[in-house]
């Protein structure tokens, strides 16, 4: 079960990193069709898109990445608690 535990941790770490990279890239003028930007959008939009429909921006600040990171941590903790560690 250690493999499953490590896989879940790696998956959620990579998703969190992708969200953070997308936030950082949003501060700069980057080509939205650049392969890296398009890849980050494809990976993170299934998480951020539904949250944006529920959580309105605060002023001009989109807080959905922060909420998404917290939710990812909660879901990761729940999944890891369900897997017995060897």
C-alpha atoms as a PDB file:
ATOM      1  CA  UNK A   1       0.000   0.000   0.000  1.00  0.00           C
ATOM      2  CA  UNK A   2       3.018   2.269   0.221  1.00  0.00           C
ATOM      3  CA  UNK A   3       2.989   2.613  -3.574  1.00  0.00           C
ATOM      4  CA  UNK A   4      -0.610   3.854  -3.528  1.00  0.00           C
ATOM      5  CA  UNK A   5       0.225   6.236  -0.681  1.00  0.00           C
ATOM      6  CA  UNK A   6       3.192   7.682  -2.575  1.00  0.00           C
ATOM      7  CA  UNK A   7       1.206   7.902  -5.807  1.00  0.00           C
ATOM      8  CA  UNK A   8      -1.580   9.904  -4.152  1.00  0.00           C
ATOM      9  CA  UNK A   9       0.923  12.260  -2.537  1.00  0.00           C
ATOM     10  CA  UNK A  10       2.754  12.766  -5.843  1.00  0.00           C
ATOM     11  CA  UNK A  11      -0.480  13.327  -7.771  1.00  0.00           C
ATOM     12  CA  UNK A  12      -1.771  15.954  -5.352  1.00  0.00           C
ATOM     13  CA  UNK A  13       1.642  17.635  -5.129  1.00  0.00           C
ATOM     14  CA  UNK A  14       1.757  17.914  -8.922  1.00  0.00           C
ATOM     15  CA  UNK A  15      -1.787  19.291  -9.075  1.00  0.00           C
ATOM     16  CA  UNK A  16      -0.941  21.871  -6.420  1.00  0.00           C
ATOM     17  CA  UNK A  17       2.229  22.840  -8.277  1.00  0.00           C
ATOM     18  CA  UNK A  18       0.273  23.207 -11.527  1.00  0.00           C
ATOM     19  CA  UNK A  19      -2.194  25.548  -9.825  1.00  0.00           C
ATOM     20  CA  UNK A  20       0.625  27.609  -8.326  1.00  0.00           C
ATOM     21  CA  UNK A  21       2.383  27.848 -11.695  1.00  0.00           C
ATOM     22  CA  UNK A  22      -0.847  28.943 -13.344  1.00  0.00           C
ATOM     23  CA  UNK A  23      -1.282  31.672 -10.734  1.00  0.00           C
ATOM     24  CA  UNK A  24       2.284  32.891 -11.200  1.00  0.00           C
ATOM     25  CA  UNK A  25       1.948  32.883 -14.986  1.00  0.00           C
ATOM     26  CA  UNK A  26      -1.255  34.918 -14.693  1.00  0.00           C
ATOM     27  CA  UNK A  27       0.827  37.798 -13.331  1.00  0.00           C
ATOM     28  CA  UNK A  28       2.732  38.070 -16.613  1.00  0.00           C
ATOM     29  CA  UNK A  29       1.711  38.615 -20.198  1.00  0.00           C
ATOM     30  CA  UNK A  30       2.172  35.171 -21.678  1.00  0.00           C
ATOM     31  CA  UNK A  31       0.846  33.695 -24.870  1.00  0.00           C
ATOM     32  CA  UNK A  32      -2.217  31.610 -23.896  1.00  0.00           C
ATOM     33  CA  UNK A  33      -1.441  29.283 -26.804  1.00  0.00           C
ATOM     34  CA  UNK A  34       2.062  28.463 -25.558  1.00  0.00           C
ATOM     35  CA  UNK A  35       2.227  24.691 -24.963  1.00  0.00           C
ATOM     36  CA  UNK A  36       3.156  25.043 -21.281  1.00  0.00           C
ATOM     37  CA  UNK A  37       0.319  27.486 -20.589  1.00  0.00           C
ATOM     38  CA  UNK A  38      -2.156  25.346 -22.539  1.00  0.00           C
ATOM     39  CA  UNK A  39      -1.039  22.243 -20.614  1.00  0.00           C
ATOM     40  CA  UNK A  40      -1.446  23.982 -17.251  1.00  0.00           C
ATOM     41  CA  UNK A  41      -4.894  25.190 -18.292  1.00  0.00           C
ATOM     42  CA  UNK A  42      -5.946  21.660 -19.300  1.00  0.00           C
ATOM     43  CA  UNK A  43      -4.710  20.201 -16.010  1.00  0.00           C
ATOM     44  CA  UNK A  44      -6.120  22.842 -13.666  1.00  0.00           C
ATOM     45  CA  UNK A  45      -9.347  23.975 -15.337  1.00  0.00           C
ATOM     46  CA  UNK A  46     -11.334  20.863 -14.270  1.00  0.00           C
ATOM     47  CA  UNK A  47     -10.571  21.898 -10.683  1.00  0.00           C
ATOM     48  CA  UNK A  48     -10.747  25.685 -10.962  1.00  0.00           C
ATOM     49  CA  UNK A  49     -13.661  25.983 -13.418  1.00  0.00           C
ATOM     50  CA  UNK A  50     -16.394  24.546 -11.164  1.00  0.00           C
ATOM     51  CA  UNK A  51     -15.079  26.561  -8.222  1.00  0.00           C
ATOM     52  CA  UNK A  52     -15.245  29.783 -10.245  1.00  0.00           C
ATOM     53  CA  UNK A  53     -18.934  29.175 -10.896  1.00  0.00           C
ATOM     54  CA  UNK A  54     -19.544  28.997  -7.129  1.00  0.00           C
ATOM     55  CA  UNK A  55     -17.016  31.466  -5.692  1.00  0.00           C
ATOM     56  CA  UNK A  56     -17.193  35.033  -6.994  1.00  0.00           C
ATOM     57  CA  UNK A  57     -14.020  37.104  -7.255  1.00  0.00           C
ATOM     58  CA  UNK A  58     -13.253  39.460  -4.404  1.00  0.00           C
ATOM     59  CA  UNK A  59     -12.809  42.761  -6.169  1.00  0.00           C
ATOM     60  CA  UNK A  60     -10.439  41.929  -8.994  1.00  0.00           C
ATOM     61  CA  UNK A  61      -8.859  38.987  -7.169  1.00  0.00           C
ATOM     62  CA  UNK A  62      -9.737  35.416  -8.086  1.00  0.00           C
ATOM     63  CA  UNK A  63      -9.535  33.404  -4.866  1.00  0.00           C
ATOM     64  CA  UNK A  64     -10.452  30.072  -6.430  1.00  0.00           C
ATOM     65  CA  UNK A  65      -6.814  28.867  -6.614  1.00  0.00           C
ATOM     66  CA  UNK A  66      -6.511  29.313  -2.839  1.00  0.00           C
ATOM     67  CA  UNK A  67      -9.758  27.435  -2.246  1.00  0.00           C
ATOM     68  CA  UNK A  68      -8.649  24.741  -4.694  1.00  0.00           C
ATOM     69  CA  UNK A  69      -5.329  24.269  -2.881  1.00  0.00           C
ATOM     70  CA  UNK A  70      -7.101  23.901   0.465  1.00  0.00           C
ATOM     71  CA  UNK A  71      -9.619  21.458  -1.007  1.00  0.00           C
ATOM     72  CA  UNK A  72      -6.821  19.429  -2.588  1.00  0.00           C
ATOM     73  CA  UNK A  73      -5.122  19.149   0.797  1.00  0.00           C
ATOM     74  CA  UNK A  74      -8.359  18.031   2.456  1.00  0.00           C
ATOM     75  CA  UNK A  75      -9.129  15.435  -0.224  1.00  0.00           C
ATOM     76  CA  UNK A  76      -5.526  14.186  -0.119  1.00  0.00           C
ATOM     77  CA  UNK A  77      -5.689  13.775   3.663  1.00  0.00           C
ATOM     78  CA  UNK A  78      -8.980  11.899   3.414  1.00  0.00           C
ATOM     79  CA  UNK A  79      -7.667   9.558   0.722  1.00  0.00           C
ATOM     80  CA  UNK A  80      -4.437   8.915   2.606  1.00  0.00           C
ATOM     81  CA  UNK A  81      -6.364   8.128   5.775  1.00  0.00           C
ATOM     82  CA  UNK A  82      -8.335   5.468   3.892  1.00  0.00           C
ATOM     83  CA  UNK A  83      -5.192   3.653   2.760  1.00  0.00           C
ATOM     84  CA  UNK A  84      -3.473   1.569   5.425  1.00  0.00           C
ATOM     85  CA  UNK A  85       0.237   2.288   5.609  1.00  0.00           C
ATOM     86  CA  UNK A  86       2.599  -0.644   5.648  1.00  0.00           C
END
